[in-house]
Amino acid sequence: MARGSTDSETTPSVHARVRPVYFIGVVAEVTQCHPQTLRHYERIGLVRPGRTAGNVRMYSDQDIERVQLIQRLTNDLGVNLAGVEVILNMTERMEAERNELEQRVAALTERLEGEIERLRHALRRVTE
């Protein structure tokens, strides 16, 4: 990390990762995937690129990662596209449930910390 820089300066924000900025030709080159294949993935719902006002497909870093995951599943593991869809849907569900669980844990932790502080305060009053 450069002197004086922070993690937030060197790590792309979530917004930057999901912001559609790449044309289909760039994504095809980066992923070594034919543009028709990318269009097919979109048609069957495996990838959902953004669209410009002129209806041009624009892909985000997250979309590129998803295409690369699809390629690993199909090319390296031999999963067909129906199987890829199931895996991606299950992965998304698990991620959503993990996020929900993290939120619940954070809320419970906050409640517990408040209760501990209340008990400390009560203990100080009793021992004074």
N, C-alpha and C. Protein backbone atom coordinates (compact mmCIF):
# COMPACT_ATOMS: atom_id res chain seq x y z
N MET A 1 0.84 -1.16 0.00
CA MET A 1 0.00 0.00 0.00
C MET A 1 0.89 1.23 0.00
N ALA A 2 0.54 2.23 -0.78
CA ALA A 2 1.34 3.43 -0.87
C ALA A 2 1.28 4.21 0.42
N ARG A 3 2.37 4.92 0.70
CA ARG A 3 2.43 5.73 1.91
C ARG A 3 1.30 6.74 1.90
N GLY A 4 0.59 6.82 3.02
CA GLY A 4 -0.49 7.79 3.15
C GLY A 4 -1.81 7.33 2.56
N SER A 5 -1.83 6.18 1.92
CA SER A 5 -3.09 5.72 1.35
C SER A 5 -3.81 4.83 2.36
N THR A 6 -5.09 4.71 2.18
CA THR A 6 -5.90 3.88 3.05
C THR A 6 -6.50 2.76 2.23
N ASP A 7 -7.07 1.78 2.94
CA ASP A 7 -7.74 0.68 2.24
C ASP A 7 -8.82 1.19 1.31
N SER A 8 -9.57 2.22 1.75
CA SER A 8 -10.67 2.72 0.93
C SER A 8 -10.16 3.36 -0.36
N GLU A 9 -8.88 3.81 -0.36
CA GLU A 9 -8.34 4.40 -1.57
C GLU A 9 -7.85 3.33 -2.55
N THR A 10 -7.46 2.17 -2.04
CA THR A 10 -6.91 1.14 -2.90
C THR A 10 -7.90 0.03 -3.22
N THR A 11 -8.93 -0.12 -2.42
CA THR A 11 -9.92 -1.17 -2.64
C THR A 11 -11.14 -0.55 -3.31
N PRO A 12 -11.56 -1.09 -4.48
CA PRO A 12 -12.74 -0.53 -5.12
C PRO A 12 -13.97 -0.70 -4.24
N SER A 13 -14.80 0.32 -4.25
CA SER A 13 -16.03 0.24 -3.47
C SER A 13 -16.97 -0.77 -4.10
N VAL A 14 -17.95 -1.18 -3.32
CA VAL A 14 -18.96 -2.10 -3.86
C VAL A 14 -19.63 -1.46 -5.05
N HIS A 15 -19.90 -0.15 -4.96
CA HIS A 15 -20.55 0.56 -6.07
C HIS A 15 -19.70 0.47 -7.34
N ALA A 16 -18.38 0.64 -7.20
CA ALA A 16 -17.50 0.57 -8.36
C ALA A 16 -17.50 -0.83 -8.97
N ARG A 17 -17.61 -1.87 -8.13
CA ARG A 17 -17.61 -3.25 -8.64
C ARG A 17 -18.87 -3.56 -9.43
N VAL A 18 -19.99 -2.95 -9.06
CA VAL A 18 -21.26 -3.28 -9.72
C VAL A 18 -21.64 -2.25 -10.77
N ARG A 19 -20.87 -1.19 -10.89
CA ARG A 19 -21.16 -0.15 -11.88
C ARG A 19 -20.81 -0.67 -13.27
N PRO A 20 -21.80 -0.69 -14.18
CA PRO A 20 -21.54 -1.20 -15.53
C PRO A 20 -20.69 -0.20 -16.34
N VAL A 21 -19.50 -0.63 -16.73
CA VAL A 21 -18.59 0.27 -17.45
C VAL A 21 -17.96 -0.36 -18.69
N TYR A 22 -18.15 -1.66 -18.92
CA TYR A 22 -17.46 -2.34 -20.01
C TYR A 22 -18.43 -2.72 -21.13
N PHE A 23 -18.01 -2.46 -22.36
CA PHE A 23 -18.78 -2.90 -23.53
C PHE A 23 -18.60 -4.40 -23.71
N ILE A 24 -19.50 -5.01 -24.45
CA ILE A 24 -19.47 -6.46 -24.64
C ILE A 24 -18.17 -6.92 -25.29
N GLY A 25 -17.61 -6.12 -26.19
CA GLY A 25 -16.36 -6.50 -26.84
C GLY A 25 -15.20 -6.59 -25.85
N VAL A 26 -15.17 -5.68 -24.89
CA VAL A 26 -14.13 -5.70 -23.87
C VAL A 26 -14.29 -6.94 -23.00
N VAL A 27 -15.52 -7.23 -22.60
CA VAL A 27 -15.79 -8.40 -21.76
C VAL A 27 -15.44 -9.68 -22.52
N ALA A 28 -15.77 -9.72 -23.80
CA ALA A 28 -15.44 -10.89 -24.62
C ALA A 28 -13.93 -11.10 -24.67
N GLU A 29 -13.19 -10.01 -24.80
CA GLU A 29 -11.73 -10.11 -24.85
C GLU A 29 -11.16 -10.54 -23.50
N VAL A 30 -11.63 -9.90 -22.44
CA VAL A 30 -11.11 -10.20 -21.09
C VAL A 30 -11.39 -11.64 -20.70
N THR A 31 -12.59 -12.12 -21.01
CA THR A 31 -13.00 -13.46 -20.59
C THR A 31 -12.71 -14.52 -21.65
N GLN A 32 -12.27 -14.08 -22.83
CA GLN A 32 -12.06 -14.97 -23.96
C GLN A 32 -13.33 -15.78 -24.26
N CYS A 33 -14.43 -15.06 -24.26
CA CYS A 33 -15.76 -15.64 -24.48
C CYS A 33 -16.38 -14.89 -25.66
N HIS A 34 -16.91 -15.60 -26.62
CA HIS A 34 -17.51 -14.98 -27.80
C HIS A 34 -18.68 -14.09 -27.39
N PRO A 35 -18.84 -12.93 -28.03
CA PRO A 35 -19.97 -12.05 -27.71
C PRO A 35 -21.33 -12.75 -27.82
N GLN A 36 -21.48 -13.67 -28.80
CA GLN A 36 -22.75 -14.41 -28.92
C GLN A 36 -23.00 -15.27 -27.68
N THR A 37 -21.94 -15.81 -27.11
CA THR A 37 -22.08 -16.61 -25.89
C THR A 37 -22.53 -15.71 -24.75
N LEU A 38 -21.95 -14.51 -24.66
CA LEU A 38 -22.37 -13.56 -23.62
C LEU A 38 -23.85 -13.19 -23.80
N ARG A 39 -24.25 -12.98 -25.04
CA ARG A 39 -25.67 -12.67 -25.31
C ARG A 39 -26.56 -13.85 -24.91
N HIS A 40 -26.09 -15.06 -25.19
CA HIS A 40 -26.84 -16.26 -24.83
C HIS A 40 -26.97 -16.36 -23.31
N TYR A 41 -25.88 -16.12 -22.59
CA TYR A 41 -25.93 -16.13 -21.13
C TYR A 41 -26.96 -15.13 -20.62
N GLU A 42 -27.03 -13.96 -21.27
CA GLU A 42 -28.03 -12.97 -20.86
C GLU A 42 -29.44 -13.46 -21.18
N ARG A 43 -29.63 -14.02 -22.37
CA ARG A 43 -30.96 -14.50 -22.78
C ARG A 43 -31.52 -15.52 -21.79
N ILE A 44 -30.64 -16.40 -21.29
CA ILE A 44 -31.13 -17.45 -20.38
C ILE A 44 -31.05 -17.02 -18.91
N GLY A 45 -30.62 -15.77 -18.68
CA GLY A 45 -30.68 -15.21 -17.33
C GLY A 45 -29.48 -15.48 -16.44
N LEU A 46 -28.37 -15.96 -17.00
CA LEU A 46 -27.19 -16.22 -16.18
C LEU A 46 -26.42 -14.95 -15.88
N VAL A 47 -26.50 -13.97 -16.77
CA VAL A 47 -25.82 -12.69 -16.60
C VAL A 47 -26.83 -11.60 -16.90
N ARG A 48 -26.78 -10.53 -16.14
CA ARG A 48 -27.72 -9.42 -16.33
C ARG A 48 -26.96 -8.10 -16.47
N PRO A 49 -26.37 -7.84 -17.65
CA PRO A 49 -25.63 -6.59 -17.80
C PRO A 49 -26.58 -5.39 -17.76
N GLY A 50 -26.01 -4.25 -17.40
CA GLY A 50 -26.79 -3.02 -17.44
C GLY A 50 -27.00 -2.60 -18.88
N ARG A 51 -27.79 -1.58 -19.06
CA ARG A 51 -28.04 -1.04 -20.41
C ARG A 51 -27.92 0.48 -20.36
N THR A 52 -27.39 1.04 -21.43
CA THR A 52 -27.34 2.49 -21.56
C THR A 52 -28.71 2.98 -22.03
N ALA A 53 -28.85 4.29 -22.10
CA ALA A 53 -30.10 4.87 -22.62
C ALA A 53 -30.34 4.40 -24.06
N GLY A 54 -29.27 4.12 -24.79
CA GLY A 54 -29.39 3.62 -26.16
C GLY A 54 -29.49 2.11 -26.24
N ASN A 55 -29.69 1.45 -25.10
CA ASN A 55 -29.89 0.01 -25.00
C ASN A 55 -28.62 -0.82 -25.28
N VAL A 56 -27.45 -0.21 -25.09
CA VAL A 56 -26.18 -0.91 -25.28
C VAL A 56 -25.84 -1.65 -23.99
N ARG A 57 -25.44 -2.92 -24.13
CA ARG A 57 -25.06 -3.71 -22.95
C ARG A 57 -23.80 -3.13 -22.32
N MET A 58 -23.83 -3.01 -21.00
CA MET A 58 -22.66 -2.55 -20.25
C MET A 58 -22.46 -3.50 -19.07
N TYR A 59 -21.25 -4.03 -18.97
CA TYR A 59 -20.94 -5.03 -17.95
C TYR A 59 -20.11 -4.40 -16.82
N SER A 60 -20.31 -4.90 -15.61
CA SER A 60 -19.55 -4.45 -14.44
C SER A 60 -18.45 -5.47 -14.14
N ASP A 61 -17.58 -5.11 -13.20
CA ASP A 61 -16.56 -6.07 -12.73
C ASP A 61 -17.24 -7.32 -12.18
N GLN A 62 -18.34 -7.12 -11.48
CA GLN A 62 -19.08 -8.26 -10.91
C GLN A 62 -19.63 -9.16 -12.02
N ASP A 63 -20.10 -8.56 -13.12
CA ASP A 63 -20.58 -9.35 -14.26
C ASP A 63 -19.45 -10.18 -14.86
N ILE A 64 -18.28 -9.57 -14.97
CA ILE A 64 -17.12 -10.28 -15.52
C ILE A 64 -16.75 -11.46 -14.63
N GLU A 65 -16.76 -11.24 -13.31
CA GLU A 65 -16.47 -12.34 -12.38
C GLU A 65 -17.49 -13.46 -12.54
N ARG A 66 -18.74 -13.10 -12.77
CA ARG A 66 -19.79 -14.10 -12.94
C ARG A 66 -19.56 -14.91 -14.22
N VAL A 67 -19.20 -14.24 -15.31
CA VAL A 67 -18.91 -14.94 -16.56
C VAL A 67 -17.74 -15.90 -16.35
N GLN A 68 -16.71 -15.44 -15.65
CA GLN A 68 -15.56 -16.31 -15.39
C GLN A 68 -15.95 -17.51 -14.53
N LEU A 69 -16.85 -17.32 -13.59
CA LEU A 69 -17.35 -18.43 -12.78
C LEU A 69 -18.12 -19.42 -13.67
N ILE A 70 -18.96 -18.90 -14.54
CA ILE A 70 -19.70 -19.76 -15.47
C ILE A 70 -18.72 -20.57 -16.32
N GLN A 71 -17.66 -19.92 -16.79
CA GLN A 71 -16.67 -20.63 -17.59
C GLN A 71 -15.97 -21.73 -16.79
N ARG A 72 -15.63 -21.44 -15.53
CA ARG A 72 -14.98 -22.48 -14.71
C ARG A 72 -15.93 -23.65 -14.49
N LEU A 73 -17.19 -23.35 -14.23
CA LEU A 73 -18.15 -24.43 -13.98
C LEU A 73 -18.36 -25.28 -15.23
N THR A 74 -18.47 -24.64 -16.38
CA THR A 74 -18.74 -25.40 -17.60
C THR A 74 -17.48 -26.05 -18.16
N ASN A 75 -16.39 -25.30 -18.25
CA ASN A 75 -15.17 -25.82 -18.88
C ASN A 75 -14.37 -26.74 -17.98
N ASP A 76 -14.18 -26.35 -16.74
CA ASP A 76 -13.31 -27.12 -15.84
C ASP A 76 -14.06 -28.25 -15.14
N LEU A 77 -15.32 -28.00 -14.80
CA LEU A 77 -16.07 -29.00 -14.02
C LEU A 77 -17.11 -29.75 -14.83
N GLY A 78 -17.34 -29.33 -16.07
CA GLY A 78 -18.27 -30.05 -16.93
C GLY A 78 -19.74 -29.86 -16.58
N VAL A 79 -20.06 -28.78 -15.88
CA VAL A 79 -21.45 -28.52 -15.52
C VAL A 79 -22.18 -27.92 -16.72
N ASN A 80 -23.39 -28.41 -16.99
CA ASN A 80 -24.15 -27.82 -18.10
C ASN A 80 -24.80 -26.51 -17.64
N LEU A 81 -25.36 -25.75 -18.57
CA LEU A 81 -25.88 -24.43 -18.23
C LEU A 81 -27.07 -24.50 -17.26
N ALA A 82 -27.86 -25.55 -17.33
CA ALA A 82 -28.95 -25.71 -16.37
C ALA A 82 -28.37 -25.90 -14.97
N GLY A 83 -27.31 -26.68 -14.87
CA GLY A 83 -26.64 -26.87 -13.60
C GLY A 83 -26.01 -25.59 -13.09
N VAL A 84 -25.43 -24.82 -14.02
CA VAL A 84 -24.84 -23.53 -13.65
C VAL A 84 -25.91 -22.63 -13.05
N GLU A 85 -27.09 -22.60 -13.68
CA GLU A 85 -28.18 -21.78 -13.17
C GLU A 85 -28.55 -22.18 -11.74
N VAL A 86 -28.65 -23.46 -11.50
CA VAL A 86 -28.97 -23.94 -10.15
C VAL A 86 -27.89 -23.53 -9.16
N ILE A 87 -26.64 -23.72 -9.53
CA ILE A 87 -25.52 -23.37 -8.65
C ILE A 87 -25.52 -21.88 -8.36
N LEU A 88 -25.70 -21.06 -9.39
CA LEU A 88 -25.70 -19.61 -9.19
C LEU A 88 -26.87 -19.17 -8.31
N ASN A 89 -28.05 -19.74 -8.54
CA ASN A 89 -29.21 -19.39 -7.72
C ASN A 89 -28.99 -19.79 -6.27
N MET A 90 -28.46 -20.98 -6.04
CA MET A 90 -28.19 -21.42 -4.68
C MET A 90 -27.13 -20.54 -4.02
N THR A 91 -26.11 -20.17 -4.77
CA THR A 91 -25.05 -19.31 -4.25
C THR A 91 -25.62 -17.95 -3.85
N GLU A 92 -26.49 -17.40 -4.69
CA GLU A 92 -27.12 -16.10 -4.38
C GLU A 92 -28.00 -16.21 -3.13
N ARG A 93 -28.75 -17.30 -3.04
CA ARG A 93 -29.60 -17.50 -1.84
C ARG A 93 -28.76 -17.61 -0.59
N MET A 94 -27.67 -18.38 -0.67
CA MET A 94 -26.79 -18.54 0.48
C MET A 94 -26.16 -17.21 0.87
N GLU A 95 -25.78 -16.42 -0.10
CA GLU A 95 -25.19 -15.10 0.17
C GLU A 95 -26.21 -14.19 0.85
N ALA A 96 -27.44 -14.20 0.35
CA ALA A 96 -28.49 -13.38 0.95
C ALA A 96 -28.76 -13.82 2.39
N GLU A 97 -28.80 -15.13 2.62
CA GLU A 97 -29.02 -15.63 3.98
C GLU A 97 -27.84 -15.30 4.89
N ARG A 98 -26.62 -15.36 4.35
CA ARG A 98 -25.44 -15.00 5.13
C ARG A 98 -25.49 -13.52 5.52
N ASN A 99 -25.88 -12.66 4.57
CA ASN A 99 -26.00 -11.24 4.86
C ASN A 99 -27.06 -10.98 5.93
N GLU A 100 -28.18 -11.67 5.81
CA GLU A 100 -29.25 -11.52 6.80
C GLU A 100 -28.77 -11.97 8.18
N LEU A 101 -28.07 -13.08 8.22
CA LEU A 101 -27.54 -13.59 9.49
C LEU A 101 -26.54 -12.61 10.09
N GLU A 102 -25.67 -12.05 9.26
CA GLU A 102 -24.70 -11.06 9.75
C GLU A 102 -25.41 -9.85 10.34
N GLN A 103 -26.49 -9.40 9.70
CA GLN A 103 -27.25 -8.27 10.21
C GLN A 103 -27.90 -8.62 11.56
N ARG A 104 -28.43 -9.83 11.66
CA ARG A 104 -29.05 -10.25 12.92
C ARG A 104 -28.01 -10.36 14.03
N VAL A 105 -26.84 -10.91 13.72
CA VAL A 105 -25.77 -11.01 14.71
C VAL A 105 -25.35 -9.62 15.16
N ALA A 106 -25.20 -8.69 14.23
CA ALA A 106 -24.82 -7.32 14.57
C ALA A 106 -25.86 -6.68 15.48
N ALA A 107 -27.14 -6.88 15.18
CA ALA A 107 -28.20 -6.31 16.01
C ALA A 107 -28.18 -6.93 17.40
N LEU A 108 -28.00 -8.24 17.47
CA LEU A 108 -27.94 -8.92 18.78
C LEU A 108 -26.72 -8.49 19.57
N THR A 109 -25.61 -8.33 18.88
CA THR A 109 -24.38 -7.87 19.55
C THR A 109 -24.58 -6.48 20.13
N GLU A 110 -25.20 -5.62 19.36
CA GLU A 110 -25.48 -4.26 19.84
C GLU A 110 -26.39 -4.29 21.07
N ARG A 111 -27.42 -5.12 21.00
CA ARG A 111 -28.33 -5.26 22.16
C ARG A 111 -27.59 -5.78 23.38
N LEU A 112 -26.76 -6.79 23.16
CA LEU A 112 -26.00 -7.39 24.26
C LEU A 112 -25.03 -6.39 24.86
N GLU A 113 -24.35 -5.63 24.03
CA GLU A 113 -23.42 -4.62 24.54
C GLU A 113 -24.16 -3.58 25.37
N GLY A 114 -25.36 -3.19 24.91
CA GLY A 114 -26.17 -2.25 25.67
C GLY A 114 -26.57 -2.83 27.02
N GLU A 115 -26.94 -4.09 27.02
CA GLU A 115 -27.33 -4.76 28.27
C GLU A 115 -26.15 -4.89 29.22
N ILE A 116 -24.98 -5.21 28.69
CA ILE A 116 -23.77 -5.30 29.52
C ILE A 116 -23.47 -3.95 30.15
N GLU A 117 -23.57 -2.90 29.36
CA GLU A 117 -23.31 -1.55 29.89
C GLU A 117 -24.33 -1.19 30.98
N ARG A 118 -25.58 -1.56 30.77
CA ARG A 118 -26.61 -1.30 31.78
C ARG A 118 -26.27 -2.04 33.08
N LEU A 119 -25.85 -3.30 32.96
CA LEU A 119 -25.49 -4.09 34.14
C LEU A 119 -24.25 -3.52 34.83
N ARG A 120 -23.27 -3.06 34.09
CA ARG A 120 -22.08 -2.44 34.69
C ARG A 120 -22.47 -1.20 35.48
N HIS A 121 -23.33 -0.41 34.88
CA HIS A 121 -23.79 0.81 35.54
C HIS A 121 -24.52 0.45 36.84
N ALA A 122 -25.39 -0.56 36.80
CA ALA A 122 -26.12 -0.99 38.00
C ALA A 122 -25.15 -1.53 39.05
N LEU A 123 -24.14 -2.26 38.64
CA LEU A 123 -23.15 -2.80 39.56
C LEU A 123 -22.35 -1.68 40.22
N ARG A 124 -22.00 -0.66 39.46
CA ARG A 124 -21.27 0.48 40.04
C ARG A 124 -22.11 1.18 41.10
N ARG A 125 -23.41 1.32 40.83
CA ARG A 125 -24.30 1.96 41.83
C ARG A 125 -24.38 1.14 43.10
N VAL A 126 -24.41 -0.19 42.96
CA VAL A 126 -24.53 -1.07 44.13
C VAL A 126 -23.24 -1.05 44.94
N THR A 127 -22.10 -1.00 44.28
CA THR A 127 -20.81 -1.11 44.99
C THR A 127 -20.31 0.24 45.50
N GLU A 128 -20.93 1.33 45.14
CA GLU A 128 -20.48 2.64 45.62
C GLU A 128 -20.94 2.95 47.00
